[in-house]
Amino acid sequence: MIPVMLNWRRDALGYRLADMGRYGQTIIRNGGEWIQTTPLVKNEMLYAEFAGVRSPEHVLNFANRHGYLAHEDTPSGGSFYPTDTGGVVSRDDGYSGEKVEDILEAARLVRQVMKAENSGKKSIPLKDALILTRLLEEEDVGRFRLIADRKRGFRFIFEATSLLNAIWIQLANKAAGGVKFGTCRYCGAWFEMGPGTDKRADSQFCKTSHRVAFNRQQQGKRG
């Protein structure tokens, strides 16, 4: 598989949820210094972490770990920062908040694709396919690059343009390699199984300790 790379950044003071009226609930940054990050380095399952995003609180936790998903401007044209009085002020620095509704929908589509790969049908409902097509068809998701490599002299990488695009390309890479996706019966987290992984295609737990904990839990229920 071709490695997916992304040079990204996040707010040193983190992010918060805010109600932006007709724009809905939004993730906004707290106005700290930008920290340069490489969220995909040593994290080949970022897409699986994102698939677990199901609520505004999950969106906030994900943003605090990794930053904005797309760095798209909201219709107001500026960034929102909290004030001491509990309100917000707009500051036009080119990076405004991101709508929680859009992020939750993207996470749902990621889950739909993963479920479709598991079913063997390789297809998702037409409505979701149309949404996904509109989401990606006009998006500049990234580019292939050649970089120096000590062993081979050079190697190909795919450099994504945003965190969300990196997640989609990472998922596509995994699916093309025949990986299947499971949800742990103990913690609910997504994990990889089947070809190219260390888990059988019928695995039910993300790690051995969770299998043991689940079995103890069931024994306790039986008394």
C-alpha atoms as a PDB file:
ATOM      1  CA  MET A   1       0.000   0.000   0.000  1.00  0.00           C
ATOM      2  CA  ILE A   2       1.148   3.527  -0.728  1.00  0.00           C
ATOM      3  CA  PRO A   3       1.649   5.489   2.526  1.00  0.00           C
ATOM      4  CA  VAL A   4      -0.730   8.399   3.127  1.00  0.00           C
ATOM      5  CA  MET A   5       0.937  11.493   4.556  1.00  0.00           C
ATOM      6  CA  LEU A   6      -0.439  14.738   5.950  1.00  0.00           C
ATOM      7  CA  ASN A   7       1.233  17.775   7.472  1.00  0.00           C
ATOM      8  CA  TRP A   8      -1.453  19.312   9.667  1.00  0.00           C
ATOM      9  CA  ARG A   9      -1.851  21.546  12.675  1.00  0.00           C
ATOM     10  CA  ARG A  10      -4.096  21.987  15.689  1.00  0.00           C
ATOM     11  CA  ASP A  11      -4.804  24.709  18.229  1.00  0.00           C
ATOM     12  CA  ALA A  12      -2.539  24.492  21.297  1.00  0.00           C
ATOM     13  CA  LEU A  13      -5.463  25.618  23.505  1.00  0.00           C
ATOM     14  CA  GLY A  14      -7.859  23.118  22.003  1.00  0.00           C
ATOM     15  CA  TYR A  15     -11.400  23.462  20.703  1.00  0.00           C
ATOM     16  CA  ARG A  16     -14.932  23.868  22.008  1.00  0.00           C
ATOM     17  CA  LEU A  17     -18.539  23.384  20.939  1.00  0.00           C
ATOM     18  CA  ALA A  18     -20.570  26.508  20.245  1.00  0.00           C
ATOM     19  CA  ASP A  19     -24.091  27.218  18.993  1.00  0.00           C
ATOM     20  CA  MET A  20     -23.803  29.436  15.922  1.00  0.00           C
ATOM     21  CA  GLY A  21     -27.496  30.082  15.411  1.00  0.00           C
ATOM     22  CA  ARG A  22     -28.650  29.229  11.909  1.00  0.00           C
ATOM     23  CA  TYR A  23     -25.275  27.599  11.218  1.00  0.00           C
ATOM     24  CA  GLY A  24     -25.941  25.082  13.983  1.00  0.00           C
ATOM     25  CA  GLN A  25     -23.554  23.565  16.493  1.00  0.00           C
ATOM     26  CA  THR A  26     -19.962  24.221  15.511  1.00  0.00           C
ATOM     27  CA  ILE A  27     -16.454  23.251  16.543  1.00  0.00           C
ATOM     28  CA  ILE A  28     -14.390  26.386  17.123  1.00  0.00           C
ATOM     29  CA  ARG A  29     -10.769  26.810  18.112  1.00  0.00           C
ATOM     30  CA  ASN A  30      -9.773  28.547  21.339  1.00  0.00           C
ATOM     31  CA  GLY A  31      -7.299  30.906  19.713  1.00  0.00           C
ATOM     32  CA  GLY A  32      -3.992  29.388  20.788  1.00  0.00           C
ATOM     33  CA  GLU A  33      -0.825  28.978  18.768  1.00  0.00           C
ATOM     34  CA  TRP A  34      -0.892  26.489  15.912  1.00  0.00           C
ATOM     35  CA  ILE A  35       0.972  23.235  16.640  1.00  0.00           C
ATOM     36  CA  GLN A  36       2.353  21.447  13.598  1.00  0.00           C
ATOM     37  CA  THR A  37       1.339  17.768  13.548  1.00  0.00           C
ATOM     38  CA  THR A  38       1.563  14.645  11.393  1.00  0.00           C
ATOM     39  CA  PRO A  39      -1.578  12.778  12.508  1.00  0.00           C
ATOM     40  CA  LEU A  40      -1.107   9.739  10.244  1.00  0.00           C
ATOM     41  CA  VAL A  41       2.439   8.928  11.368  1.00  0.00           C
ATOM     42  CA  LYS A  42       2.282   5.724  13.440  1.00  0.00           C
ATOM     43  CA  ASN A  43      -1.518   5.848  13.180  1.00  0.00           C
ATOM     44  CA  GLU A  44      -2.624   3.544  10.377  1.00  0.00           C
ATOM     45  CA  MET A  45      -6.135   3.292  11.804  1.00  0.00           C
ATOM     46  CA  LEU A  46      -7.120   6.942  12.083  1.00  0.00           C
ATOM     47  CA  TYR A  47     -10.115   6.152   9.862  1.00  0.00           C
ATOM     48  CA  ALA A  48     -11.308   3.594  12.449  1.00  0.00           C
ATOM     49  CA  GLU A  49     -11.014   6.154  15.243  1.00  0.00           C
ATOM     50  CA  PHE A  50     -13.062   8.596  13.153  1.00  0.00           C
ATOM     51  CA  ALA A  51     -15.673   5.903  12.453  1.00  0.00           C
ATOM     52  CA  GLY A  52     -16.351   5.865  16.205  1.00  0.00           C
ATOM     53  CA  VAL A  53     -17.445   9.521  16.163  1.00  0.00           C
ATOM     54  CA  ARG A  54     -21.198   9.474  16.868  1.00  0.00           C
ATOM     55  CA  SER A  55     -21.987  12.558  18.953  1.00  0.00           C
ATOM     56  CA  PRO A  56     -20.985  16.228  19.289  1.00  0.00           C
ATOM     57  CA  GLU A  57     -18.860  15.256  22.304  1.00  0.00           C
ATOM     58  CA  HIS A  58     -17.053  12.661  20.178  1.00  0.00           C
ATOM     59  CA  VAL A  59     -16.440  15.343  17.527  1.00  0.00           C
ATOM     60  CA  LEU A  60     -14.932  17.630  20.166  1.00  0.00           C
ATOM     61  CA  ASN A  61     -12.661  14.895  21.520  1.00  0.00           C
ATOM     62  CA  PHE A  62     -11.478  14.055  18.002  1.00  0.00           C
ATOM     63  CA  ALA A  63     -10.765  17.725  17.248  1.00  0.00           C
ATOM     64  CA  ASN A  64      -8.799  18.149  20.478  1.00  0.00           C
ATOM     65  CA  ARG A  65      -6.611  15.183  19.511  1.00  0.00           C
ATOM     66  CA  HIS A  66      -6.167  15.943  15.813  1.00  0.00           C
ATOM     67  CA  GLY A  67      -7.464  19.417  14.909  1.00  0.00           C
ATOM     68  CA  TYR A  68     -10.025  20.525  12.349  1.00  0.00           C
ATOM     69  CA  LEU A  69     -11.146  18.025   9.734  1.00  0.00           C
ATOM     70  CA  ALA A  70     -11.096  20.288   6.698  1.00  0.00           C
ATOM     71  CA  HIS A  71     -10.247  23.903   7.663  1.00  0.00           C
ATOM     72  CA  GLU A  72     -13.179  25.102   5.597  1.00  0.00           C
ATOM     73  CA  ASP A  73     -14.553  28.596   6.182  1.00  0.00           C
ATOM     74  CA  THR A  74     -18.039  28.955   7.578  1.00  0.00           C
ATOM     75  CA  PRO A  75     -20.354  31.434   5.820  1.00  0.00           C
ATOM     76  CA  SER A  76     -19.341  34.133   8.312  1.00  0.00           C
ATOM     77  CA  GLY A  77     -15.834  34.243   6.843  1.00  0.00           C
ATOM     78  CA  GLY A  78     -13.880  34.327  10.104  1.00  0.00           C
ATOM     79  CA  SER A  79     -12.786  32.286  13.083  1.00  0.00           C
ATOM     80  CA  PHE A  80     -14.836  32.200  16.261  1.00  0.00           C
ATOM     81  CA  TYR A  81     -13.162  32.676  19.652  1.00  0.00           C
ATOM     82  CA  PRO A  82     -14.761  32.583  23.134  1.00  0.00           C
ATOM     83  CA  THR A  83     -14.973  35.749  25.220  1.00  0.00           C
ATOM     84  CA  ASP A  84     -14.873  36.175  28.998  1.00  0.00           C
ATOM     85  CA  THR A  85     -18.607  36.954  29.014  1.00  0.00           C
ATOM     86  CA  GLY A  86     -19.508  33.592  27.505  1.00  0.00           C
ATOM     87  CA  GLY A  87     -20.102  34.835  23.970  1.00  0.00           C
ATOM     88  CA  VAL A  88     -17.948  34.535  20.878  1.00  0.00           C
ATOM     89  CA  VAL A  89     -16.099  36.972  18.677  1.00  0.00           C
ATOM     90  CA  SER A  90     -15.260  36.518  14.993  1.00  0.00           C
ATOM     91  CA  ARG A  91     -11.646  37.070  13.955  1.00  0.00           C
ATOM     92  CA  ASP A  92     -10.825  36.864  10.262  1.00  0.00           C
ATOM     93  CA  ASP A  93      -7.684  34.735  10.163  1.00  0.00           C
ATOM     94  CA  GLY A  94      -8.875  32.425   7.390  1.00  0.00           C
ATOM     95  CA  TYR A  95      -9.675  29.396   9.592  1.00  0.00           C
ATOM     96  CA  SER A  96     -13.193  29.350  10.957  1.00  0.00           C
ATOM     97  CA  GLY A  97     -15.229  26.730  12.733  1.00  0.00           C
ATOM     98  CA  GLU A  98     -16.562  23.496  11.277  1.00  0.00           C
ATOM     99  CA  LYS A  99     -20.170  22.350  11.520  1.00  0.00           C
ATOM    100  CA  VAL A 100     -20.707  19.375  13.815  1.00  0.00           C
ATOM    101  CA  GLU A 101     -23.519  18.129  11.587  1.00  0.00           C
ATOM    102  CA  ASP A 102     -21.154  17.827   8.609  1.00  0.00           C
ATOM    103  CA  ILE A 103     -18.527  15.963  10.626  1.00  0.00           C
ATOM    104  CA  LEU A 104     -21.078  13.499  12.020  1.00  0.00           C
ATOM    105  CA  GLU A 105     -22.375  12.840   8.512  1.00  0.00           C
ATOM    106  CA  ALA A 106     -18.837  12.167   7.248  1.00  0.00           C
ATOM    107  CA  ALA A 107     -18.247   9.694  10.103  1.00  0.00           C
ATOM    108  CA  ARG A 108     -21.530   7.942   9.291  1.00  0.00           C
ATOM    109  CA  LEU A 109     -20.499   7.568   5.638  1.00  0.00           C
ATOM    110  CA  VAL A 110     -17.153   6.086   6.701  1.00  0.00           C
ATOM    111  CA  ARG A 111     -19.058   3.504   8.759  1.00  0.00           C
ATOM    112  CA  GLN A 112     -21.327   2.740   5.805  1.00  0.00           C
ATOM    113  CA  VAL A 113     -18.350   2.059   3.542  1.00  0.00           C
ATOM    114  CA  MET A 114     -16.735  -0.187   6.156  1.00  0.00           C
ATOM    115  CA  LYS A 115     -19.967  -2.160   6.597  1.00  0.00           C
ATOM    116  CA  ALA A 116     -20.319  -2.524   2.817  1.00  0.00           C
ATOM    117  CA  GLU A 117     -16.783  -3.901   2.571  1.00  0.00           C
ATOM    118  CA  ASN A 118     -17.605  -6.438   5.261  1.00  0.00           C
ATOM    119  CA  SER A 119     -20.810  -7.565   3.557  1.00  0.00           C
ATOM    120  CA  GLY A 120     -19.000  -8.386   0.313  1.00  0.00           C
ATOM    121  CA  LYS A 121     -21.483  -6.328  -1.715  1.00  0.00           C
ATOM    122  CA  LYS A 122     -18.979  -3.469  -2.116  1.00  0.00           C
ATOM    123  CA  SER A 123     -21.891  -1.035  -2.356  1.00  0.00           C
ATOM    124  CA  ILE A 124     -23.728   1.380  -0.088  1.00  0.00           C
ATOM    125  CA  PRO A 125     -27.312   2.700  -0.300  1.00  0.00           C
ATOM    126  CA  LEU A 126     -27.880   4.909  -3.352  1.00  0.00           C
ATOM    127  CA  LYS A 127     -28.721   7.930  -1.194  1.00  0.00           C
ATOM    128  CA  ASP A 128     -25.406   7.632   0.655  1.00  0.00           C
ATOM    129  CA  ALA A 129     -23.526   6.995  -2.602  1.00  0.00           C
ATOM    130  CA  LEU A 130     -24.874  10.258  -4.038  1.00  0.00           C
ATOM    131  CA  ILE A 131     -23.914  12.164  -0.885  1.00  0.00           C
ATOM    132  CA  LEU A 132     -20.414  10.690  -0.953  1.00  0.00           C
ATOM    133  CA  THR A 133     -20.030  11.444  -4.655  1.00  0.00           C
ATOM    134  CA  ARG A 134     -20.968  15.091  -4.136  1.00  0.00           C
ATOM    135  CA  LEU A 135     -18.611  15.233  -1.169  1.00  0.00           C
ATOM    136  CA  LEU A 136     -15.556  13.984  -3.056  1.00  0.00           C
ATOM    137  CA  GLU A 137     -16.025  14.588  -6.798  1.00  0.00           C
ATOM    138  CA  GLU A 138     -14.992  18.244  -6.708  1.00  0.00           C
ATOM    139  CA  GLU A 139     -12.556  17.853  -3.833  1.00  0.00           C
ATOM    140  CA  ASP A 140      -8.812  18.053  -4.372  1.00  0.00           C
ATOM    141  CA  VAL A 141      -8.006  15.109  -2.109  1.00  0.00           C
ATOM    142  CA  GLY A 142      -4.245  15.223  -2.646  1.00  0.00           C
ATOM    143  CA  ARG A 143      -1.400  14.194  -4.921  1.00  0.00           C
ATOM    144  CA  PHE A 144       1.193  11.484  -5.395  1.00  0.00           C
ATOM    145  CA  ARG A 145       4.787  12.404  -4.667  1.00  0.00           C
ATOM    146  CA  LEU A 146       8.208  10.827  -4.891  1.00  0.00           C
ATOM    147  CA  ILE A 147      10.390  11.114  -1.797  1.00  0.00           C
ATOM    148  CA  ALA A 148      13.896   9.915  -0.975  1.00  0.00           C
ATOM    149  CA  ASP A 149      14.237   6.489   0.595  1.00  0.00           C
ATOM    150  CA  ARG A 150      17.480   5.138   2.118  1.00  0.00           C
ATOM    151  CA  LYS A 151      16.902   1.567   0.990  1.00  0.00           C
ATOM    152  CA  ARG A 152      15.231   1.978  -2.391  1.00  0.00           C
ATOM    153  CA  GLY A 153      16.453   5.397  -3.405  1.00  0.00           C
ATOM    154  CA  PHE A 154      12.889   6.724  -3.688  1.00  0.00           C
ATOM    155  CA  ARG A 155       9.326   5.753  -2.898  1.00  0.00           C
ATOM    156  CA  PHE A 156       5.809   6.951  -3.670  1.00  0.00           C
ATOM    157  CA  ILE A 157       3.607   8.584  -1.050  1.00  0.00           C
ATOM    158  CA  PHE A 158       0.163  10.147  -1.251  1.00  0.00           C
ATOM    159  CA  GLU A 159       0.040  13.605   0.302  1.00  0.00           C
ATOM    160  CA  ALA A 160      -3.506  14.476   1.402  1.00  0.00           C
ATOM    161  CA  THR A 161      -4.893  18.014   1.450  1.00  0.00           C
ATOM    162  CA  SER A 162      -6.922  17.724   4.659  1.00  0.00           C
ATOM    163  CA  LEU A 163      -7.447  15.428   7.616  1.00  0.00           C
ATOM    164  CA  LEU A 164     -10.812  14.240   6.301  1.00  0.00           C
ATOM    165  CA  ASN A 165      -9.380  13.510   2.851  1.00  0.00           C
ATOM    166  CA  ALA A 166      -6.515  11.602   4.484  1.00  0.00           C
ATOM    167  CA  ILE A 167      -9.059   9.488   6.369  1.00  0.00           C
ATOM    168  CA  TRP A 168     -10.887   8.607   3.127  1.00  0.00           C
ATOM    169  CA  ILE A 169      -7.675   7.686   1.311  1.00  0.00           C
ATOM    170  CA  GLN A 170      -6.459   5.646   4.281  1.00  0.00           C
ATOM    171  CA  LEU A 171      -9.753   3.718   4.315  1.00  0.00           C
ATOM    172  CA  ALA A 172      -9.624   3.150   0.543  1.00  0.00           C
ATOM    173  CA  ASN A 173      -6.078   1.804   0.905  1.00  0.00           C
ATOM    174  CA  LYS A 174      -7.180  -0.684   3.545  1.00  0.00           C
ATOM    175  CA  ALA A 175     -10.252  -1.840   1.620  1.00  0.00           C
ATOM    176  CA  ALA A 176      -8.217  -2.348  -1.554  1.00  0.00           C
ATOM    177  CA  GLY A 177      -5.893  -4.616   0.427  1.00  0.00           C
ATOM    178  CA  GLY A 178      -8.743  -6.919   1.434  1.00  0.00           C
ATOM    179  CA  VAL A 179      -8.907  -5.838   5.075  1.00  0.00           C
ATOM    180  CA  LYS A 180     -12.191  -6.437   6.893  1.00  0.00           C
ATOM    181  CA  PHE A 181     -13.514  -4.306   9.735  1.00  0.00           C
ATOM    182  CA  GLY A 182     -14.916  -5.514  13.036  1.00  0.00           C
ATOM    183  CA  THR A 183     -16.382  -3.846  16.116  1.00  0.00           C
ATOM    184  CA  CYS A 184     -15.186  -5.052  19.489  1.00  0.00           C
ATOM    185  CA  ARG A 185     -17.922  -6.737  21.542  1.00  0.00           C
ATOM    186  CA  TYR A 186     -16.385  -5.308  24.720  1.00  0.00           C
ATOM    187  CA  CYS A 187     -15.511  -1.668  23.947  1.00  0.00           C
ATOM    188  CA  GLY A 188     -17.257  -1.053  20.608  1.00  0.00           C
ATOM    189  CA  ALA A 189     -14.108   0.196  18.865  1.00  0.00           C
ATOM    190  CA  TRP A 190     -13.483  -0.649  15.215  1.00  0.00           C
ATOM    191  CA  PHE A 191     -10.528  -2.909  14.413  1.00  0.00           C
ATOM    192  CA  GLU A 192      -8.950  -4.584  11.382  1.00  0.00           C
ATOM    193  CA  MET A 193      -9.167  -8.305  10.714  1.00  0.00           C
ATOM    194  CA  GLY A 194      -8.483 -10.756   7.909  1.00  0.00           C
ATOM    195  CA  PRO A 195      -5.704 -10.606   5.290  1.00  0.00           C
ATOM    196  CA  GLY A 196      -2.659  -8.554   6.249  1.00  0.00           C
ATOM    197  CA  THR A 197      -3.661  -8.226   9.910  1.00  0.00           C
ATOM    198  CA  ASP A 198      -2.915 -10.217  13.070  1.00  0.00           C
ATOM    199  CA  LYS A 199      -6.577 -11.177  13.547  1.00  0.00           C
ATOM    200  CA  ARG A 200      -8.755 -13.813  11.940  1.00  0.00           C
ATOM    201  CA  ALA A 201     -11.644 -12.709   9.743  1.00  0.00           C
ATOM    202  CA  ASP A 202     -14.137 -13.891  12.385  1.00  0.00           C
ATOM    203  CA  SER A 203     -12.513 -12.050  15.317  1.00  0.00           C
ATOM    204  CA  GLN A 204     -14.898 -10.381  17.772  1.00  0.00           C
ATOM    205  CA  PHE A 205     -12.506  -8.385  19.949  1.00  0.00           C
ATOM    206  CA  CYS A 206      -9.931  -5.669  19.254  1.00  0.00           C
ATOM    207  CA  LYS A 207      -7.442  -7.159  21.720  1.00  0.00           C
ATOM    208  CA  THR A 208      -7.004 -10.254  23.859  1.00  0.00           C
ATOM    209  CA  SER A 209      -7.491  -8.368  27.124  1.00  0.00           C
ATOM    210  CA  HIS A 210     -10.929  -7.252  25.942  1.00  0.00           C
ATOM    211  CA  ARG A 211     -11.909 -10.826  25.112  1.00  0.00           C
ATOM    212  CA  VAL A 212     -10.886 -11.869  28.622  1.00  0.00           C
ATOM    213  CA  ALA A 213     -12.720  -8.914  30.196  1.00  0.00           C
ATOM    214  CA  PHE A 214     -15.857  -9.660  28.167  1.00  0.00           C
ATOM    215  CA  ASN A 215     -15.886 -13.308  29.192  1.00  0.00           C
ATOM    216  CA  ARG A 216     -15.458 -12.363  32.865  1.00  0.00           C
ATOM    217  CA  GLN A 217     -18.273  -9.863  32.477  1.00  0.00           C
ATOM    218  CA  GLN A 218     -20.559 -12.534  31.037  1.00  0.00           C
ATOM    219  CA  GLN A 219     -19.648 -14.980  33.809  1.00  0.00           C
ATOM    220  CA  GLY A 220     -20.499 -12.332  36.362  1.00  0.00           C
ATOM    221  CA  LYS A 221     -23.933 -11.825  34.818  1.00  0.00           C
ATOM    222  CA  ARG A 222     -24.605 -15.553  35.012  1.00  0.00           C
ATOM    223  CA  GLY A 223     -23.749 -15.390  38.675  1.00  0.00           C
END
